[in-house]
């Protein structure tokens, strides 16, 4: 099972009513996909740029889509740019796959997780994802914490230190992208409030 699929199942299983933004989850899923592509040897990082291996297409359908979407021309694509480009609408894509499989129901547009928005069926994949989360898988816990979902246990420091430098760079890039997205939201809120004040003042 891919890291991205595990992450989605963990978010749906562990958020406990905390609304998770589709934009946040999409960026984290794109990061999880890249971690798997690196682990499978389908891509590598040269400094901060993603370089695909043309002979290593993954078997998983969604991960194969991610692999096919990698830029193949020099100077290749920075990790941050990949997250934004691949992440666009990615949470909806993954949720749609779970729905098609019958693993998810009662979908509601807007925020991906809120009270009563989604019902996650019991399945072997769900149990494996929960087990990985409970055992403090360092990648899953790091991505979950970036979205404000705190695990019951924390990764062993040695497991964090043992992560490949490329994986650590991807996780850091996800954190940076989420901060940037939050900054965009805050600016829009301020701009909307200013517009509302002007509108009220002119009436």
N, C-alpha and C. Protein backbone atom coordinates (compact mmCIF):
# COMPACT_ATOMS: atom_id res chain seq x y z
N UNK A 1 0.84 -1.19 0.00
CA UNK A 1 0.00 0.00 0.00
C UNK A 1 0.89 1.24 0.00
N UNK A 2 0.51 2.24 -0.77
CA UNK A 2 1.34 3.43 -0.89
C UNK A 2 1.24 4.31 0.34
N UNK A 3 2.24 5.15 0.52
CA UNK A 3 2.24 6.09 1.63
C UNK A 3 1.08 7.07 1.51
N UNK A 4 0.78 7.50 0.29
CA UNK A 4 -0.31 8.46 0.10
C UNK A 4 -1.66 7.85 0.50
N UNK A 5 -1.90 6.62 0.09
CA UNK A 5 -3.15 5.96 0.47
C UNK A 5 -3.22 5.78 1.99
N UNK A 6 -2.12 5.36 2.59
CA UNK A 6 -2.08 5.22 4.04
C UNK A 6 -2.37 6.56 4.72
N UNK A 7 -1.78 7.63 4.19
CA UNK A 7 -1.98 8.96 4.77
C UNK A 7 -3.44 9.36 4.73
N UNK A 8 -4.09 9.16 3.60
CA UNK A 8 -5.51 9.51 3.49
C UNK A 8 -6.33 8.72 4.50
N UNK A 9 -6.08 7.43 4.60
CA UNK A 9 -6.83 6.60 5.54
C UNK A 9 -6.58 7.04 6.97
N UNK A 10 -5.34 7.41 7.28
CA UNK A 10 -5.03 7.90 8.62
C UNK A 10 -5.77 9.20 8.91
N UNK A 11 -5.76 10.12 7.96
CA UNK A 11 -6.45 11.40 8.15
C UNK A 11 -7.93 11.18 8.42
N UNK A 12 -8.54 10.32 7.63
CA UNK A 12 -9.98 10.05 7.81
C UNK A 12 -10.26 9.32 9.11
N UNK A 13 -9.31 8.51 9.54
CA UNK A 13 -9.52 7.70 10.74
C UNK A 13 -9.15 8.44 12.02
N UNK A 14 -8.18 9.35 11.94
CA UNK A 14 -7.62 9.94 13.15
C UNK A 14 -7.99 11.40 13.40
N UNK A 15 -8.61 12.07 12.44
CA UNK A 15 -8.84 13.51 12.62
C UNK A 15 -9.88 13.80 13.70
N UNK A 16 -10.78 12.85 13.98
CA UNK A 16 -11.76 12.98 15.07
C UNK A 16 -12.52 14.30 15.01
N UNK A 17 -13.09 14.57 13.85
CA UNK A 17 -13.94 15.75 13.72
C UNK A 17 -13.20 17.03 13.36
N UNK A 18 -11.87 17.01 13.36
CA UNK A 18 -11.12 18.21 12.99
C UNK A 18 -11.15 18.33 11.47
N UNK A 19 -11.68 19.46 11.00
CA UNK A 19 -11.77 19.66 9.56
C UNK A 19 -10.38 19.76 8.94
N UNK A 20 -10.16 19.01 7.88
CA UNK A 20 -8.88 19.04 7.16
C UNK A 20 -9.12 19.66 5.80
N UNK A 21 -8.39 20.68 5.50
CA UNK A 21 -8.56 21.36 4.22
C UNK A 21 -8.13 20.46 3.06
N UNK A 22 -8.93 20.41 1.99
CA UNK A 22 -8.51 19.65 0.80
C UNK A 22 -7.16 20.13 0.26
N UNK A 23 -6.90 21.43 0.36
CA UNK A 23 -5.62 21.94 -0.13
C UNK A 23 -4.46 21.42 0.68
N UNK A 24 -4.60 21.42 2.00
CA UNK A 24 -3.55 20.88 2.86
C UNK A 24 -3.30 19.40 2.56
N UNK A 25 -4.39 18.65 2.51
CA UNK A 25 -4.26 17.21 2.28
C UNK A 25 -3.67 16.92 0.90
N UNK A 26 -4.05 17.71 -0.09
CA UNK A 26 -3.52 17.50 -1.44
C UNK A 26 -2.01 17.68 -1.49
N UNK A 27 -1.51 18.72 -0.83
CA UNK A 27 -0.06 18.94 -0.79
C UNK A 27 0.64 17.79 -0.07
N UNK A 28 0.06 17.35 1.05
CA UNK A 28 0.67 16.25 1.80
C UNK A 28 0.65 14.95 1.00
N UNK A 29 -0.43 14.70 0.26
CA UNK A 29 -0.50 13.50 -0.58
C UNK A 29 0.55 13.54 -1.68
N UNK A 30 0.75 14.71 -2.28
CA UNK A 30 1.79 14.83 -3.31
C UNK A 30 3.16 14.55 -2.72
N UNK A 31 3.39 15.01 -1.49
CA UNK A 31 4.64 14.71 -0.83
C UNK A 31 4.80 13.23 -0.55
N UNK A 32 3.70 12.59 -0.11
CA UNK A 32 3.75 11.15 0.16
C UNK A 32 4.05 10.37 -1.12
N UNK A 33 3.45 10.79 -2.23
CA UNK A 33 3.73 10.12 -3.51
C UNK A 33 5.21 10.24 -3.87
N UNK A 34 5.77 11.42 -3.66
CA UNK A 34 7.18 11.62 -4.02
C UNK A 34 8.08 10.77 -3.12
N UNK A 35 7.73 10.64 -1.85
CA UNK A 35 8.50 9.77 -0.95
C UNK A 35 8.51 8.34 -1.50
N UNK A 36 7.35 7.87 -1.96
CA UNK A 36 7.28 6.51 -2.51
C UNK A 36 8.05 6.38 -3.82
N UNK A 37 7.99 7.39 -4.66
CA UNK A 37 8.75 7.35 -5.91
C UNK A 37 10.25 7.29 -5.62
N UNK A 38 10.69 8.04 -4.64
CA UNK A 38 12.11 7.99 -4.24
C UNK A 38 12.47 6.62 -3.70
N UNK A 39 11.60 6.07 -2.86
CA UNK A 39 11.86 4.77 -2.26
C UNK A 39 11.90 3.64 -3.26
N UNK A 40 11.10 3.79 -4.35
CA UNK A 40 11.05 2.76 -5.37
C UNK A 40 12.15 2.92 -6.42
N UNK A 41 12.93 3.96 -6.30
CA UNK A 41 13.96 4.22 -7.31
C UNK A 41 13.42 4.78 -8.60
N UNK A 42 12.14 5.19 -8.59
CA UNK A 42 11.53 5.76 -9.78
C UNK A 42 11.91 7.21 -9.98
N UNK A 43 12.47 7.82 -8.95
CA UNK A 43 12.92 9.21 -9.04
C UNK A 43 14.03 9.39 -8.02
N UNK A 44 14.79 10.45 -8.21
CA UNK A 44 15.85 10.82 -7.27
C UNK A 44 15.87 12.33 -7.18
N UNK A 45 16.47 12.84 -6.12
CA UNK A 45 16.63 14.28 -5.97
C UNK A 45 18.08 14.65 -6.24
N UNK A 46 18.26 15.58 -7.16
CA UNK A 46 19.56 16.19 -7.39
C UNK A 46 19.46 17.60 -6.82
N UNK A 47 20.08 17.80 -5.65
CA UNK A 47 19.84 19.00 -4.84
C UNK A 47 18.35 19.03 -4.52
N UNK A 48 17.60 20.03 -5.01
CA UNK A 48 16.16 20.07 -4.68
C UNK A 48 15.29 19.75 -5.90
N UNK A 49 15.87 19.16 -6.93
CA UNK A 49 15.12 18.91 -8.15
C UNK A 49 14.84 17.41 -8.33
N UNK A 50 13.64 17.14 -8.86
CA UNK A 50 13.16 15.76 -8.98
C UNK A 50 13.55 15.22 -10.35
N UNK A 51 14.37 14.18 -10.35
CA UNK A 51 14.86 13.59 -11.60
C UNK A 51 14.26 12.18 -11.73
N UNK A 52 13.42 11.94 -12.75
CA UNK A 52 12.80 10.62 -12.89
C UNK A 52 13.74 9.59 -13.50
N UNK A 53 13.49 8.32 -13.14
CA UNK A 53 14.16 7.20 -13.79
C UNK A 53 13.18 6.63 -14.81
N UNK A 54 13.44 6.80 -16.10
CA UNK A 54 12.45 6.42 -17.11
C UNK A 54 12.12 4.93 -17.14
N UNK A 55 12.93 4.09 -16.51
CA UNK A 55 12.67 2.66 -16.59
C UNK A 55 12.06 2.06 -15.35
N UNK A 56 11.46 2.89 -14.48
CA UNK A 56 11.01 2.37 -13.19
C UNK A 56 9.57 2.78 -12.87
N UNK A 57 8.64 2.55 -13.78
CA UNK A 57 7.25 2.93 -13.56
C UNK A 57 6.63 2.08 -12.46
N UNK A 58 5.95 2.69 -11.48
CA UNK A 58 5.34 1.93 -10.38
C UNK A 58 4.12 1.14 -10.84
N UNK A 59 3.77 0.11 -10.07
CA UNK A 59 2.60 -0.71 -10.40
C UNK A 59 1.31 -0.06 -9.94
N UNK A 60 1.31 0.64 -8.81
CA UNK A 60 0.11 1.29 -8.31
C UNK A 60 -0.37 2.34 -9.30
N UNK A 61 -1.69 2.36 -9.58
CA UNK A 61 -2.22 3.22 -10.65
C UNK A 61 -2.00 4.70 -10.35
N UNK A 62 -2.33 5.15 -9.12
CA UNK A 62 -2.18 6.56 -8.81
C UNK A 62 -0.70 6.96 -8.73
N UNK A 63 0.13 6.07 -8.22
CA UNK A 63 1.55 6.37 -8.18
C UNK A 63 2.14 6.38 -9.59
N UNK A 64 1.61 5.53 -10.48
CA UNK A 64 2.04 5.55 -11.87
C UNK A 64 1.65 6.87 -12.53
N UNK A 65 0.49 7.43 -12.17
CA UNK A 65 0.09 8.74 -12.67
C UNK A 65 1.06 9.81 -12.20
N UNK A 66 1.45 9.72 -10.93
CA UNK A 66 2.41 10.68 -10.40
C UNK A 66 3.74 10.57 -11.14
N UNK A 67 4.19 9.34 -11.36
CA UNK A 67 5.44 9.11 -12.08
C UNK A 67 5.37 9.69 -13.49
N UNK A 68 4.24 9.47 -14.16
CA UNK A 68 4.08 9.97 -15.53
C UNK A 68 4.05 11.50 -15.57
N UNK A 69 3.67 12.12 -14.46
CA UNK A 69 3.56 13.57 -14.42
C UNK A 69 4.89 14.27 -14.14
N UNK A 70 5.93 13.50 -13.79
CA UNK A 70 7.22 14.12 -13.50
C UNK A 70 7.79 14.81 -14.73
N UNK A 71 8.39 15.98 -14.53
CA UNK A 71 9.06 16.68 -15.62
C UNK A 71 10.30 15.89 -16.05
N UNK A 72 10.49 15.77 -17.34
CA UNK A 72 11.59 14.96 -17.85
C UNK A 72 12.63 15.77 -18.61
N UNK A 73 12.53 17.08 -18.52
CA UNK A 73 13.49 17.94 -19.20
C UNK A 73 14.33 18.69 -18.17
N UNK A 74 15.62 18.83 -18.45
CA UNK A 74 16.48 19.64 -17.60
C UNK A 74 16.01 21.09 -17.65
N UNK A 75 16.13 21.82 -16.56
CA UNK A 75 16.80 21.49 -15.29
C UNK A 75 15.91 20.72 -14.30
N UNK A 76 14.87 20.09 -14.77
CA UNK A 76 13.93 19.34 -13.95
C UNK A 76 13.18 20.29 -13.01
N UNK A 77 12.39 19.73 -12.14
CA UNK A 77 11.45 20.54 -11.37
C UNK A 77 11.80 20.53 -9.88
N UNK A 78 11.82 21.71 -9.24
CA UNK A 78 12.05 21.73 -7.79
C UNK A 78 10.94 21.00 -7.05
N UNK A 79 11.28 20.46 -5.89
CA UNK A 79 10.29 19.72 -5.11
C UNK A 79 9.06 20.57 -4.80
N UNK A 80 9.28 21.82 -4.41
CA UNK A 80 8.15 22.68 -4.08
C UNK A 80 7.20 22.87 -5.24
N UNK A 81 7.75 23.06 -6.44
CA UNK A 81 6.90 23.22 -7.63
C UNK A 81 6.12 21.94 -7.90
N UNK A 82 6.77 20.79 -7.71
CA UNK A 82 6.08 19.50 -7.90
C UNK A 82 4.88 19.39 -6.96
N UNK A 83 5.07 19.75 -5.71
CA UNK A 83 3.99 19.63 -4.73
C UNK A 83 2.77 20.44 -5.16
N UNK A 84 3.00 21.65 -5.60
CA UNK A 84 1.86 22.50 -6.01
C UNK A 84 1.21 21.99 -7.28
N UNK A 85 2.01 21.56 -8.24
CA UNK A 85 1.44 21.12 -9.52
C UNK A 85 0.73 19.78 -9.37
N UNK A 86 1.40 18.79 -8.80
CA UNK A 86 0.79 17.47 -8.64
C UNK A 86 -0.35 17.52 -7.62
N UNK A 87 -0.21 18.39 -6.61
CA UNK A 87 -1.20 18.43 -5.55
C UNK A 87 -2.54 19.02 -5.94
N UNK A 88 -2.62 19.70 -7.06
CA UNK A 88 -3.88 20.35 -7.41
C UNK A 88 -5.00 19.31 -7.56
N UNK A 89 -5.98 19.37 -6.67
CA UNK A 89 -7.12 18.47 -6.72
C UNK A 89 -6.81 17.03 -6.34
N UNK A 90 -5.62 16.77 -5.78
CA UNK A 90 -5.20 15.39 -5.55
C UNK A 90 -6.02 14.72 -4.45
N UNK A 91 -6.42 15.47 -3.44
CA UNK A 91 -7.24 14.87 -2.38
C UNK A 91 -8.55 14.35 -2.94
N UNK A 92 -9.18 15.12 -3.81
CA UNK A 92 -10.42 14.67 -4.45
C UNK A 92 -10.19 13.40 -5.25
N UNK A 93 -9.04 13.32 -5.93
CA UNK A 93 -8.72 12.13 -6.72
C UNK A 93 -8.64 10.90 -5.84
N UNK A 94 -7.93 11.00 -4.74
CA UNK A 94 -7.78 9.86 -3.84
C UNK A 94 -9.10 9.49 -3.17
N UNK A 95 -9.85 10.49 -2.75
CA UNK A 95 -11.16 10.20 -2.15
C UNK A 95 -12.07 9.51 -3.15
N UNK A 96 -12.00 9.96 -4.41
CA UNK A 96 -12.81 9.33 -5.46
C UNK A 96 -12.47 7.87 -5.65
N UNK A 97 -11.19 7.53 -5.56
CA UNK A 97 -10.78 6.13 -5.69
C UNK A 97 -11.36 5.31 -4.54
N UNK A 98 -11.28 5.82 -3.31
CA UNK A 98 -11.85 5.10 -2.18
C UNK A 98 -13.36 4.93 -2.31
N UNK A 99 -14.01 5.95 -2.82
CA UNK A 99 -15.46 5.85 -3.05
C UNK A 99 -15.77 4.76 -4.07
N UNK A 100 -15.01 4.75 -5.17
CA UNK A 100 -15.23 3.75 -6.22
C UNK A 100 -15.02 2.34 -5.71
N UNK A 101 -14.12 2.18 -4.76
CA UNK A 101 -13.84 0.87 -4.18
C UNK A 101 -14.85 0.48 -3.10
N UNK A 102 -15.72 1.42 -2.73
CA UNK A 102 -16.68 1.14 -1.67
C UNK A 102 -16.10 1.28 -0.28
N UNK A 103 -14.90 1.86 -0.18
CA UNK A 103 -14.26 2.02 1.12
C UNK A 103 -14.66 3.30 1.83
N UNK A 104 -15.40 4.16 1.14
CA UNK A 104 -15.74 5.46 1.67
C UNK A 104 -17.12 5.85 1.18
N UNK A 105 -17.90 6.49 2.03
CA UNK A 105 -19.25 6.91 1.64
C UNK A 105 -19.61 8.21 2.33
N UNK A 106 -20.79 8.72 1.99
CA UNK A 106 -21.33 9.94 2.60
C UNK A 106 -20.43 11.14 2.38
N UNK A 107 -19.98 11.29 1.16
CA UNK A 107 -19.08 12.39 0.86
C UNK A 107 -19.82 13.71 0.84
N UNK A 108 -19.14 14.76 1.29
CA UNK A 108 -19.68 16.09 1.23
C UNK A 108 -18.62 17.02 0.68
N UNK A 109 -18.99 17.88 -0.24
CA UNK A 109 -18.02 18.80 -0.84
C UNK A 109 -17.57 19.83 0.19
N UNK A 110 -16.47 20.49 -0.12
CA UNK A 110 -15.94 21.50 0.77
C UNK A 110 -14.77 20.92 1.53
N UNK A 111 -14.86 20.89 2.83
CA UNK A 111 -13.79 20.32 3.63
C UNK A 111 -13.87 18.81 3.56
N UNK A 112 -12.72 18.20 3.47
CA UNK A 112 -12.69 16.76 3.27
C UNK A 112 -13.07 15.98 4.50
N UNK A 113 -12.83 16.55 5.67
CA UNK A 113 -13.20 15.82 6.87
C UNK A 113 -13.86 16.78 7.83
N UNK A 114 -15.07 16.49 8.20
CA UNK A 114 -15.79 17.20 9.25
C UNK A 114 -16.78 16.22 9.82
N UNK A 115 -17.39 16.54 10.95
CA UNK A 115 -18.30 15.60 11.58
C UNK A 115 -19.37 15.12 10.61
N UNK A 116 -19.43 13.82 10.38
CA UNK A 116 -20.46 13.25 9.54
C UNK A 116 -20.22 13.37 8.05
N UNK A 117 -19.08 13.98 7.65
CA UNK A 117 -18.86 14.22 6.23
C UNK A 117 -18.50 12.95 5.47
N UNK A 118 -17.72 12.08 6.10
CA UNK A 118 -17.21 10.89 5.43
C UNK A 118 -17.31 9.69 6.35
N UNK A 119 -17.70 8.57 5.79
CA UNK A 119 -17.76 7.33 6.55
C UNK A 119 -16.76 6.36 5.95
N UNK A 120 -15.81 5.93 6.76
CA UNK A 120 -14.74 5.05 6.29
C UNK A 120 -15.06 3.62 6.70
N UNK A 121 -15.14 2.74 5.70
CA UNK A 121 -15.44 1.33 5.97
C UNK A 121 -14.22 0.63 6.55
N UNK A 122 -14.47 -0.42 7.32
CA UNK A 122 -13.37 -1.24 7.82
C UNK A 122 -12.80 -2.04 6.65
N UNK A 123 -11.48 -2.15 6.60
CA UNK A 123 -10.83 -2.87 5.50
C UNK A 123 -9.42 -3.22 5.94
N UNK A 124 -8.79 -4.20 5.27
CA UNK A 124 -7.39 -4.50 5.59
C UNK A 124 -6.47 -3.30 5.40
N UNK A 125 -6.71 -2.51 4.34
CA UNK A 125 -5.88 -1.32 4.12
C UNK A 125 -6.01 -0.34 5.27
N UNK A 126 -7.24 -0.14 5.74
CA UNK A 126 -7.45 0.77 6.86
C UNK A 126 -6.71 0.27 8.10
N UNK A 127 -6.80 -1.02 8.36
CA UNK A 127 -6.13 -1.56 9.55
C UNK A 127 -4.61 -1.44 9.42
N UNK A 128 -4.08 -1.65 8.21
CA UNK A 128 -2.63 -1.50 8.02
C UNK A 128 -2.19 -0.05 8.22
N UNK A 129 -3.02 0.88 7.72
CA UNK A 129 -2.69 2.30 7.89
C UNK A 129 -2.71 2.69 9.36
N UNK A 130 -3.72 2.23 10.08
CA UNK A 130 -3.82 2.54 11.51
C UNK A 130 -2.65 1.93 12.27
N UNK A 131 -2.25 0.73 11.89
CA UNK A 131 -1.12 0.09 12.54
C UNK A 131 0.17 0.88 12.32
N UNK A 132 0.37 1.34 11.07
CA UNK A 132 1.56 2.14 10.76
C UNK A 132 1.55 3.44 11.56
N UNK A 133 0.38 4.05 11.67
CA UNK A 133 0.25 5.29 12.45
C UNK A 133 0.51 5.04 13.93
N UNK A 134 -0.07 3.97 14.44
CA UNK A 134 0.09 3.64 15.87
C UNK A 134 1.53 3.31 16.21
N UNK A 135 2.25 2.73 15.25
CA UNK A 135 3.65 2.40 15.49
C UNK A 135 4.58 3.57 15.19
N UNK A 136 3.98 4.75 14.95
CA UNK A 136 4.74 5.99 14.75
C UNK A 136 5.66 5.93 13.54
N UNK A 137 5.11 5.45 12.41
CA UNK A 137 5.86 5.52 11.16
C UNK A 137 6.30 6.97 10.95
N UNK A 138 7.60 7.22 10.80
CA UNK A 138 8.08 8.61 10.81
C UNK A 138 7.55 9.47 9.67
N UNK A 139 7.36 8.90 8.50
CA UNK A 139 6.84 9.69 7.38
C UNK A 139 5.37 10.01 7.60
N UNK A 140 4.57 9.01 7.96
CA UNK A 140 3.14 9.25 8.19
C UNK A 140 2.92 10.26 9.30
N UNK A 141 3.62 10.07 10.42
CA UNK A 141 3.43 10.98 11.56
C UNK A 141 3.88 12.39 11.21
N UNK A 142 4.98 12.52 10.50
CA UNK A 142 5.45 13.85 10.10
C UNK A 142 4.45 14.56 9.21
N UNK A 143 3.91 13.86 8.23
CA UNK A 143 2.92 14.47 7.33
C UNK A 143 1.63 14.77 8.08
N UNK A 144 1.21 13.86 8.96
CA UNK A 144 0.00 14.11 9.74
C UNK A 144 0.14 15.32 10.64
N UNK A 145 1.28 15.43 11.30
CA UNK A 145 1.49 16.56 12.20
C UNK A 145 1.52 17.89 11.45
N UNK A 146 2.01 17.86 10.22
CA UNK A 146 2.00 19.10 9.42
C UNK A 146 0.57 19.60 9.20
N UNK A 147 -0.39 18.67 9.22
CA UNK A 147 -1.80 19.06 9.06
C UNK A 147 -2.52 19.19 10.40
N UNK A 148 -1.76 19.11 11.49
CA UNK A 148 -2.35 19.30 12.80
C UNK A 148 -2.95 18.06 13.41
N UNK A 149 -2.63 16.89 12.86
CA UNK A 149 -3.13 15.63 13.41
C UNK A 149 -1.99 14.98 14.18
N UNK A 150 -2.14 14.92 15.50
CA UNK A 150 -1.07 14.45 16.36
C UNK A 150 -1.30 12.99 16.71
N UNK A 151 -0.28 12.17 16.53
CA UNK A 151 -0.38 10.75 16.82
C UNK A 151 -0.32 10.46 18.31
N UNK A 152 -0.78 9.28 18.68
CA UNK A 152 -0.74 8.86 20.08
C UNK A 152 0.69 8.62 20.54
N UNK A 153 1.57 8.32 19.62
CA UNK A 153 2.98 8.12 19.94
C UNK A 153 3.83 8.89 18.95
N UNK A 154 5.06 9.14 19.32
CA UNK A 154 5.96 9.91 18.46
C UNK A 154 7.03 8.98 17.91
N UNK A 155 7.54 9.28 16.72
CA UNK A 155 8.60 8.43 16.15
C UNK A 155 9.83 8.40 17.03
N UNK A 156 10.48 7.27 17.07
CA UNK A 156 11.75 7.14 17.77
C UNK A 156 12.76 8.07 17.09
N UNK A 157 13.53 8.84 17.87
CA UNK A 157 14.51 9.75 17.26
C UNK A 157 15.43 9.05 16.26
N UNK A 158 15.77 7.80 16.53
CA UNK A 158 16.65 7.07 15.61
C UNK A 158 15.96 6.83 14.27
N UNK A 159 14.63 6.59 14.31
CA UNK A 159 13.91 6.37 13.06
C UNK A 159 13.86 7.64 12.23
N UNK A 160 13.75 8.78 12.89
CA UNK A 160 13.78 10.06 12.17
C UNK A 160 15.16 10.31 11.59
N UNK A 161 16.19 10.03 12.38
CA UNK A 161 17.55 10.26 11.92
C UNK A 161 17.93 9.32 10.78
N UNK A 162 17.26 8.16 10.73
CA UNK A 162 17.61 7.18 9.70
C UNK A 162 16.95 7.48 8.36
N UNK A 163 16.03 8.46 8.34
CA UNK A 163 15.38 8.80 7.08
C UNK A 163 16.41 9.31 6.08
N UNK A 164 16.24 8.90 4.84
CA UNK A 164 17.12 9.39 3.78
C UNK A 164 17.02 10.91 3.69
N UNK A 165 18.13 11.54 3.35
CA UNK A 165 18.14 13.01 3.24
C UNK A 165 17.12 13.51 2.24
N UNK A 166 16.90 12.76 1.17
CA UNK A 166 15.92 13.17 0.17
C UNK A 166 14.51 13.17 0.76
N UNK A 167 14.19 12.17 1.57
CA UNK A 167 12.87 12.10 2.21
C UNK A 167 12.72 13.27 3.18
N UNK A 168 13.76 13.55 3.94
CA UNK A 168 13.71 14.68 4.88
C UNK A 168 13.47 15.98 4.13
N UNK A 169 14.10 16.13 2.97
CA UNK A 169 13.90 17.34 2.17
C UNK A 169 12.46 17.45 1.70
N UNK A 170 11.87 16.33 1.27
CA UNK A 170 10.48 16.33 0.82
C UNK A 170 9.55 16.72 1.96
N UNK A 171 9.77 16.14 3.14
CA UNK A 171 8.92 16.46 4.29
C UNK A 171 9.02 17.94 4.65
N UNK A 172 10.23 18.49 4.59
CA UNK A 172 10.41 19.91 4.87
C UNK A 172 9.70 20.76 3.82
N UNK A 173 9.75 20.33 2.56
CA UNK A 173 9.10 21.08 1.50
C UNK A 173 7.59 21.07 1.67
N UNK A 174 7.03 19.95 2.14
CA UNK A 174 5.59 19.90 2.41
C UNK A 174 5.25 20.90 3.51
N UNK A 175 6.04 20.94 4.57
CA UNK A 175 5.80 21.91 5.63
C UNK A 175 5.84 23.34 5.12
N UNK A 176 6.82 23.65 4.27
CA UNK A 176 6.92 25.00 3.70
C UNK A 176 5.70 25.33 2.83
N UNK A 177 5.26 24.35 2.03
CA UNK A 177 4.11 24.58 1.15
C UNK A 177 2.84 24.81 1.96
N UNK A 178 2.67 24.06 3.04
CA UNK A 178 1.49 24.25 3.89
C UNK A 178 1.49 25.62 4.56
N UNK A 179 2.67 26.07 4.99
CA UNK A 179 2.77 27.41 5.56
C UNK A 179 2.43 28.47 4.51
N UNK A 180 2.90 28.26 3.30
CA UNK A 180 2.60 29.20 2.22
C UNK A 180 1.11 29.24 1.93
N UNK A 181 0.47 28.06 1.91
CA UNK A 181 -0.97 28.00 1.66
C UNK A 181 -1.74 28.70 2.76
N UNK A 182 -1.33 28.52 4.01
CA UNK A 182 -1.99 29.20 5.12
C UNK A 182 -1.82 30.71 5.01
N UNK A 183 -0.65 31.15 4.56
CA UNK A 183 -0.44 32.58 4.34
C UNK A 183 -1.37 33.14 3.29
N UNK A 184 -1.60 32.38 2.22
CA UNK A 184 -2.53 32.80 1.17
C UNK A 184 -3.93 32.93 1.75
N UNK A 185 -4.34 31.96 2.56
CA UNK A 185 -5.67 32.01 3.18
C UNK A 185 -5.82 33.26 4.05
N UNK A 186 -4.81 33.54 4.85
CA UNK A 186 -4.89 34.69 5.74
C UNK A 186 -4.97 35.99 4.97
N UNK A 187 -4.19 36.10 3.89
CA UNK A 187 -4.25 37.32 3.07
C UNK A 187 -5.63 37.49 2.46
N UNK A 188 -6.22 36.39 1.99
CA UNK A 188 -7.55 36.48 1.40
C UNK A 188 -8.59 36.89 2.43
N UNK A 189 -8.43 36.38 3.65
CA UNK A 189 -9.35 36.75 4.72
C UNK A 189 -9.26 38.24 5.02
N UNK A 190 -8.02 38.75 5.10
CA UNK A 190 -7.82 40.17 5.37
C UNK A 190 -8.38 41.02 4.24
N UNK A 191 -8.11 40.60 3.00
CA UNK A 191 -8.61 41.36 1.85
C UNK A 191 -10.13 41.35 1.81
N UNK A 192 -10.75 40.20 2.13
CA UNK A 192 -12.20 40.13 2.13
C UNK A 192 -12.79 41.00 3.23
N UNK A 193 -12.15 41.01 4.41
CA UNK A 193 -12.63 41.84 5.50
C UNK A 193 -12.54 43.32 5.13
N UNK A 194 -11.44 43.70 4.48
CA UNK A 194 -11.28 45.09 4.06
C UNK A 194 -12.34 45.47 3.03
N UNK A 195 -12.61 44.56 2.08
CA UNK A 195 -13.64 44.82 1.08
C UNK A 195 -15.00 44.97 1.74
N UNK A 196 -15.31 44.09 2.70
CA UNK A 196 -16.61 44.16 3.39
C UNK A 196 -16.76 45.48 4.12
N UNK A 197 -15.67 45.96 4.74
CA UNK A 197 -15.73 47.24 5.45
C UNK A 197 -16.00 48.40 4.49
N UNK A 198 -15.32 48.38 3.35
CA UNK A 198 -15.55 49.42 2.35
C UNK A 198 -16.98 49.36 1.83
N UNK A 199 -17.48 48.14 1.60
CA UNK A 199 -18.85 47.97 1.08
C UNK A 199 -19.87 48.50 2.09
N UNK A 200 -19.67 48.15 3.35
CA UNK A 200 -20.60 48.64 4.38
C UNK A 200 -20.55 50.15 4.51
N UNK A 201 -19.32 50.73 4.37
CA UNK A 201 -19.18 52.16 4.51
C UNK A 201 -19.80 52.94 3.37
N UNK A 202 -19.99 52.28 2.22
CA UNK A 202 -20.55 53.00 1.07
C UNK A 202 -22.06 52.87 0.99
N UNK A 203 -22.68 52.16 1.95
CA UNK A 203 -24.13 51.96 1.94
C UNK A 203 -24.76 52.60 3.19
